């Protein structure tokens, strides 16, 4: 499964190297199945908004990721 997250109005220089980031997810119930997630960036300087003809799973990804 692929999901997309947009973080607008976060100014980053083109040559920026992100050393750390923090995301907090909240759940809506009690679950016992662990999640295994891998986070990639979109390999695009100016990504377009998500749409039905341009969904997250069709985007080029960076080679770097975080588990």
PDB file of N, CA and C in Angstrom:
ATOM      1  N   UNK A   1       0.845  -1.165   0.000  1.00  0.00           N
ATOM      2  CA  UNK A   1       0.000   0.000   0.000  1.00  0.00           C
ATOM      3  C   UNK A   1       0.893   1.232   0.000  1.00  0.00           C
ATOM      4  N   UNK A   2       0.485   2.241  -0.730  1.00  0.00           N
ATOM      5  CA  UNK A   2       1.230   3.494  -0.822  1.00  0.00           C
ATOM      6  C   UNK A   2       0.337   4.628  -0.368  1.00  0.00           C
ATOM      7  N   UNK A   3       0.875   5.494   0.449  1.00  0.00           N
ATOM      8  CA  UNK A   3       0.181   6.713   0.863  1.00  0.00           C
ATOM      9  C   UNK A   3       1.074   7.896   0.566  1.00  0.00           C
ATOM     10  N   UNK A   4       0.475   9.042   0.396  1.00  0.00           N
ATOM     11  CA  UNK A   4       1.248  10.246   0.136  1.00  0.00           C
ATOM     12  C   UNK A   4       0.972  11.302   1.184  1.00  0.00           C
ATOM     13  N   UNK A   5       2.005  12.009   1.574  1.00  0.00           N
ATOM     14  CA  UNK A   5       1.895  13.107   2.538  1.00  0.00           C
ATOM     15  C   UNK A   5       2.535  14.336   1.918  1.00  0.00           C
ATOM     16  N   UNK A   6       1.856  15.456   1.994  1.00  0.00           N
ATOM     17  CA  UNK A   6       2.408  16.715   1.485  1.00  0.00           C
ATOM     18  C   UNK A   6       2.659  17.649   2.655  1.00  0.00           C
ATOM     19  N   UNK A   7       3.822  18.242   2.672  1.00  0.00           N
ATOM     20  CA  UNK A   7       4.181  19.219   3.692  1.00  0.00           C
ATOM     21  C   UNK A   7       4.451  20.528   2.965  1.00  0.00           C
ATOM     22  N   UNK A   8       3.411  21.349   2.882  1.00  0.00           N
ATOM     23  CA  UNK A   8       3.512  22.600   2.144  1.00  0.00           C
ATOM     24  C   UNK A   8       4.131  23.693   3.013  1.00  0.00           C
ATOM     25  N   UNK A   9       4.677  24.676   2.347  1.00  0.00           N
ATOM     26  CA  UNK A   9       5.259  25.851   3.000  1.00  0.00           C
ATOM     27  C   UNK A   9       6.405  25.497   3.946  1.00  0.00           C
ATOM     28  N   UNK A  10       7.197  24.496   3.565  1.00  0.00           N
ATOM     29  CA  UNK A  10       8.405  24.135   4.312  1.00  0.00           C
ATOM     30  C   UNK A  10       9.581  24.451   3.384  1.00  0.00           C
ATOM     31  N   UNK A  11      10.186  25.613   3.557  1.00  0.00           N
ATOM     32  CA  UNK A  11      11.255  26.005   2.634  1.00  0.00           C
ATOM     33  C   UNK A  11      12.523  25.180   2.845  1.00  0.00           C
ATOM     34  N   UNK A  12      12.962  24.506   1.793  1.00  0.00           N
ATOM     35  CA  UNK A  12      14.206  23.741   1.815  1.00  0.00           C
ATOM     36  C   UNK A  12      15.036  24.124   0.597  1.00  0.00           C
ATOM     37  N   UNK A  13      16.299  24.432   0.777  1.00  0.00           N
ATOM     38  CA  UNK A  13      17.151  24.679  -0.387  1.00  0.00           C
ATOM     39  C   UNK A  13      17.275  23.414  -1.234  1.00  0.00           C
ATOM     40  N   UNK A  14      17.510  23.586  -2.517  1.00  0.00           N
ATOM     41  CA  UNK A  14      17.612  22.444  -3.434  1.00  0.00           C
ATOM     42  C   UNK A  14      18.685  21.468  -2.991  1.00  0.00           C
ATOM     43  N   UNK A  15      19.794  21.951  -2.435  1.00  0.00           N
ATOM     44  CA  UNK A  15      20.901  21.082  -2.042  1.00  0.00           C
ATOM     45  C   UNK A  15      20.860  20.699  -0.559  1.00  0.00           C
ATOM     46  N   UNK A  16      19.712  20.847   0.081  1.00  0.00           N
ATOM     47  CA  UNK A  16      19.590  20.543   1.514  1.00  0.00           C
ATOM     48  C   UNK A  16      19.771  19.046   1.769  1.00  0.00           C
ATOM     49  N   UNK A  17      20.407  18.733   2.873  1.00  0.00           N
ATOM     50  CA  UNK A  17      20.540  17.356   3.342  1.00  0.00           C
ATOM     51  C   UNK A  17      19.766  17.271   4.654  1.00  0.00           C
ATOM     52  N   UNK A  18      18.728  16.456   4.683  1.00  0.00           N
ATOM     53  CA  UNK A  18      17.902  16.316   5.881  1.00  0.00           C
ATOM     54  C   UNK A  18      18.537  15.255   6.768  1.00  0.00           C
ATOM     55  N   UNK A  19      18.957  15.657   7.947  1.00  0.00           N
ATOM     56  CA  UNK A  19      19.621  14.735   8.867  1.00  0.00           C
ATOM     57  C   UNK A  19      18.651  14.058   9.821  1.00  0.00           C
ATOM     58  N   UNK A  20      17.523  14.682  10.084  1.00  0.00           N
ATOM     59  CA  UNK A  20      16.540  14.086  10.988  1.00  0.00           C
ATOM     60  C   UNK A  20      15.179  14.722  10.729  1.00  0.00           C
ATOM     61  N   UNK A  21      14.146  13.966  11.033  1.00  0.00           N
ATOM     62  CA  UNK A  21      12.769  14.462  10.921  1.00  0.00           C
ATOM     63  C   UNK A  21      11.922  13.679  11.910  1.00  0.00           C
ATOM     64  N   UNK A  22      10.764  14.227  12.232  1.00  0.00           N
ATOM     65  CA  UNK A  22       9.887  13.576  13.199  1.00  0.00           C
ATOM     66  C   UNK A  22       8.452  13.656  12.695  1.00  0.00           C
ATOM     67  N   UNK A  23       7.785  12.521  12.633  1.00  0.00           N
ATOM     68  CA  UNK A  23       6.360  12.443  12.321  1.00  0.00           C
ATOM     69  C   UNK A  23       5.674  11.714  13.458  1.00  0.00           C
ATOM     70  N   UNK A  24       4.522  12.189  13.843  1.00  0.00           N
ATOM     71  CA  UNK A  24       3.757  11.516  14.885  1.00  0.00           C
ATOM     72  C   UNK A  24       2.420  11.086  14.301  1.00  0.00           C
ATOM     73  N   UNK A  25       2.143   9.797  14.374  1.00  0.00           N
ATOM     74  CA  UNK A  25       0.883   9.246  13.890  1.00  0.00           C
ATOM     75  C   UNK A  25       0.028   8.851  15.084  1.00  0.00           C
ATOM     76  N   UNK A  26      -1.247   9.093  14.969  1.00  0.00           N
ATOM     77  CA  UNK A  26      -2.178   8.710  16.030  1.00  0.00           C
ATOM     78  C   UNK A  26      -3.122   7.653  15.478  1.00  0.00           C
ATOM     79  N   UNK A  27      -3.493   6.710  16.313  1.00  0.00           N
ATOM     80  CA  UNK A  27      -4.396   5.654  15.889  1.00  0.00           C
ATOM     81  C   UNK A  27      -5.786   5.904  16.452  1.00  0.00           C
ATOM     82  N   UNK A  28      -6.771   5.270  15.839  1.00  0.00           N
ATOM     83  CA  UNK A  28      -8.153   5.494  16.249  1.00  0.00           C
ATOM     84  C   UNK A  28      -8.744   4.297  16.987  1.00  0.00           C
ATOM     85  N   UNK A  29      -7.896   3.393  17.456  1.00  0.00           N
ATOM     86  CA  UNK A  29      -8.403   2.227  18.172  1.00  0.00           C
ATOM     87  C   UNK A  29      -7.255   1.424  18.750  1.00  0.00           C
ATOM     88  N   UNK A  30      -7.574   0.235  19.223  1.00  0.00           N
ATOM     89  CA  UNK A  30      -6.572  -0.677  19.773  1.00  0.00           C
ATOM     90  C   UNK A  30      -6.258  -1.734  18.718  1.00  0.00           C
ATOM     91  N   UNK A  31      -4.989  -1.813  18.333  1.00  0.00           N
ATOM     92  CA  UNK A  31      -4.570  -2.760  17.309  1.00  0.00           C
ATOM     93  C   UNK A  31      -3.398  -3.576  17.838  1.00  0.00           C
ATOM     94  N   UNK A  32      -3.310  -4.825  17.406  1.00  0.00           N
ATOM     95  CA  UNK A  32      -2.212  -5.674  17.862  1.00  0.00           C
ATOM     96  C   UNK A  32      -1.242  -6.025  16.737  1.00  0.00           C
ATOM     97  N   UNK A  33      -1.581  -5.703  15.486  1.00  0.00           N
ATOM     98  CA  UNK A  33      -0.684  -6.007  14.379  1.00  0.00           C
ATOM     99  C   UNK A  33       0.369  -4.908  14.247  1.00  0.00           C
ATOM    100  N   UNK A  34       1.643  -5.270  14.251  1.00  0.00           N
ATOM    101  CA  UNK A  34       2.688  -4.246  14.107  1.00  0.00           C
ATOM    102  C   UNK A  34       2.724  -3.714  12.667  1.00  0.00           C
ATOM    103  N   UNK A  35       3.159  -2.490  12.532  1.00  0.00           N
ATOM    104  CA  UNK A  35       3.308  -1.881  11.218  1.00  0.00           C
ATOM    105  C   UNK A  35       4.765  -1.912  10.800  1.00  0.00           C
ATOM    106  N   UNK A  36       4.993  -2.143   9.532  1.00  0.00           N
ATOM    107  CA  UNK A  36       6.323  -2.025   8.956  1.00  0.00           C
ATOM    108  C   UNK A  36       6.213  -0.995   7.848  1.00  0.00           C
ATOM    109  N   UNK A  37       6.827   0.164   8.053  1.00  0.00           N
ATOM    110  CA  UNK A  37       6.710   1.249   7.077  1.00  0.00           C
ATOM    111  C   UNK A  37       8.079   1.659   6.585  1.00  0.00           C
ATOM    112  N   UNK A  38       8.110   2.124   5.364  1.00  0.00           N
ATOM    113  CA  UNK A  38       9.326   2.654   4.772  1.00  0.00           C
ATOM    114  C   UNK A  38       8.959   3.996   4.143  1.00  0.00           C
ATOM    115  N   UNK A  39       9.690   5.049   4.496  1.00  0.00           N
ATOM    116  CA  UNK A  39       9.414   6.393   4.015  1.00  0.00           C
ATOM    117  C   UNK A  39      10.433   6.792   2.957  1.00  0.00           C
ATOM    118  N   UNK A  40       9.938   7.195   1.806  1.00  0.00           N
ATOM    119  CA  UNK A  40      10.755   7.702   0.709  1.00  0.00           C
ATOM    120  C   UNK A  40      10.358   9.149   0.450  1.00  0.00           C
ATOM    121  N   UNK A  41      11.219   9.894  -0.174  1.00  0.00           N
ATOM    122  CA  UNK A  41      10.867  11.217  -0.671  1.00  0.00           C
ATOM    123  C   UNK A  41      10.524  11.103  -2.143  1.00  0.00           C
ATOM    124  N   UNK A  42       9.804  12.081  -2.635  1.00  0.00           N
ATOM    125  CA  UNK A  42       9.535  12.113  -4.078  1.00  0.00           C
ATOM    126  C   UNK A  42      10.722  12.761  -4.767  1.00  0.00           C
ATOM    127  N   UNK A  43      11.196  12.145  -5.820  1.00  0.00           N
ATOM    128  CA  UNK A  43      12.356  12.642  -6.556  1.00  0.00           C
ATOM    129  C   UNK A  43      11.895  13.716  -7.539  1.00  0.00           C
ATOM    130  N   UNK A  44      11.540  14.869  -7.002  1.00  0.00           N
ATOM    131  CA  UNK A  44      11.052  15.973  -7.818  1.00  0.00           C
ATOM    132  C   UNK A  44      11.283  17.279  -7.072  1.00  0.00           C
ATOM    133  N   UNK A  45      11.758  18.270  -7.776  1.00  0.00           N
ATOM    134  CA  UNK A  45      11.978  19.572  -7.158  1.00  0.00           C
ATOM    135  C   UNK A  45      10.663  20.289  -6.889  1.00  0.00           C
ATOM    136  N   UNK A  46       9.715  20.172  -7.805  1.00  0.00           N
ATOM    137  CA  UNK A  46       8.413  20.832  -7.675  1.00  0.00           C
ATOM    138  C   UNK A  46       7.290  19.821  -7.907  1.00  0.00           C
ATOM    139  N   UNK A  47       6.996  18.978  -6.921  1.00  0.00           N
ATOM    140  CA  UNK A  47       5.963  17.950  -7.115  1.00  0.00           C
ATOM    141  C   UNK A  47       4.569  18.573  -7.257  1.00  0.00           C
ATOM    142  N   UNK A  48       3.779  17.969  -8.105  1.00  0.00           N
ATOM    143  CA  UNK A  48       2.406  18.413  -8.320  1.00  0.00           C
ATOM    144  C   UNK A  48       1.501  17.902  -7.216  1.00  0.00           C
ATOM    145  N   UNK A  49       0.360  18.537  -7.000  1.00  0.00           N
ATOM    146  CA  UNK A  49      -0.602  18.010  -6.016  1.00  0.00           C
ATOM    147  C   UNK A  49      -1.067  16.613  -6.414  1.00  0.00           C
ATOM    148  N   UNK A  50      -1.461  15.830  -5.440  1.00  0.00           N
ATOM    149  CA  UNK A  50      -2.000  14.503  -5.710  1.00  0.00           C
ATOM    150  C   UNK A  50      -3.349  14.634  -6.405  1.00  0.00           C
ATOM    151  N   UNK A  51      -3.640  13.725  -7.296  1.00  0.00           N
ATOM    152  CA  UNK A  51      -4.931  13.695  -7.979  1.00  0.00           C
ATOM    153  C   UNK A  51      -5.181  12.268  -8.464  1.00  0.00           C
ATOM    154  N   UNK A  52      -6.353  12.034  -9.011  1.00  0.00           N
ATOM    155  CA  UNK A  52      -6.662  10.691  -9.515  1.00  0.00           C
ATOM    156  C   UNK A  52      -5.809  10.332 -10.721  1.00  0.00           C
ATOM    157  N   UNK A  53      -5.357  11.335 -11.485  1.00  0.00           N
ATOM    158  CA  UNK A  53      -4.489  11.044 -12.626  1.00  0.00           C
ATOM    159  C   UNK A  53      -3.005  11.170 -12.279  1.00  0.00           C
ATOM    160  N   UNK A  54      -2.697  11.616 -11.062  1.00  0.00           N
ATOM    161  CA  UNK A  54      -1.310  11.763 -10.611  1.00  0.00           C
ATOM    162  C   UNK A  54      -1.212  11.318  -9.147  1.00  0.00           C
ATOM    163  N   UNK A  55      -1.481  10.016  -8.872  1.00  0.00           N
ATOM    164  CA  UNK A  55      -1.504   9.531  -7.486  1.00  0.00           C
ATOM    165  C   UNK A  55      -0.100   9.304  -6.923  1.00  0.00           C
ATOM    166  N   UNK A  56       0.002   9.157  -5.594  1.00  0.00           N
ATOM    167  CA  UNK A  56       1.318   8.956  -4.967  1.00  0.00           C
ATOM    168  C   UNK A  56       2.097   7.758  -5.518  1.00  0.00           C
ATOM    169  N   UNK A  57       1.434   6.658  -5.823  1.00  0.00           N
ATOM    170  CA  UNK A  57       2.184   5.458  -6.238  1.00  0.00           C
ATOM    171  C   UNK A  57       2.799   5.584  -7.628  1.00  0.00           C
ATOM    172  N   UNK A  58       2.461   6.603  -8.395  1.00  0.00           N
ATOM    173  CA  UNK A  58       3.032   6.766  -9.730  1.00  0.00           C
ATOM    174  C   UNK A  58       4.207   7.745  -9.752  1.00  0.00           C
ATOM    175  N   UNK A  59       4.626   8.240  -8.590  1.00  0.00           N
ATOM    176  CA  UNK A  59       5.679   9.254  -8.517  1.00  0.00           C
ATOM    177  C   UNK A  59       7.062   8.620  -8.470  1.00  0.00           C
ATOM    178  N   UNK A  60       8.082   9.295  -9.041  1.00  0.00           N
ATOM    179  CA  UNK A  60       9.457   8.807  -8.901  1.00  0.00           C
ATOM    180  C   UNK A  60       9.939   9.047  -7.473  1.00  0.00           C
ATOM    181  N   UNK A  61      10.612   8.059  -6.897  1.00  0.00           N
ATOM    182  CA  UNK A  61      11.064   8.137  -5.507  1.00  0.00           C
ATOM    183  C   UNK A  61      12.568   8.326  -5.416  1.00  0.00           C
ATOM    184  N   UNK A  62      12.991   8.871  -4.287  1.00  0.00           N
ATOM    185  CA  UNK A  62      14.416   8.969  -4.009  1.00  0.00           C
ATOM    186  C   UNK A  62      14.972   7.570  -3.729  1.00  0.00           C
ATOM    187  N   UNK A  63      16.276   7.431  -3.793  1.00  0.00           N
ATOM    188  CA  UNK A  63      16.906   6.156  -3.451  1.00  0.00           C
ATOM    189  C   UNK A  63      17.047   6.011  -1.944  1.00  0.00           C
ATOM    190  N   UNK A  64      17.104   7.114  -1.233  1.00  0.00           N
ATOM    191  CA  UNK A  64      17.220   7.088   0.225  1.00  0.00           C
ATOM    192  C   UNK A  64      15.848   6.895   0.847  1.00  0.00           C
ATOM    193  N   UNK A  65      15.815   6.239   1.987  1.00  0.00           N
ATOM    194  CA  UNK A  65      14.563   6.008   2.697  1.00  0.00           C
ATOM    195  C   UNK A  65      14.840   5.844   4.178  1.00  0.00           C
ATOM    196  N   UNK A  66      13.778   5.865   4.951  1.00  0.00           N
ATOM    197  CA  UNK A  66      13.861   5.603   6.386  1.00  0.00           C
ATOM    198  C   UNK A  66      12.816   4.567   6.728  1.00  0.00           C
ATOM    199  N   UNK A  67      13.191   3.588   7.550  1.00  0.00           N
ATOM    200  CA  UNK A  67      12.231   2.577   7.998  1.00  0.00           C
ATOM    201  C   UNK A  67      11.515   3.067   9.240  1.00  0.00           C
TER     202      UNK A  67
END
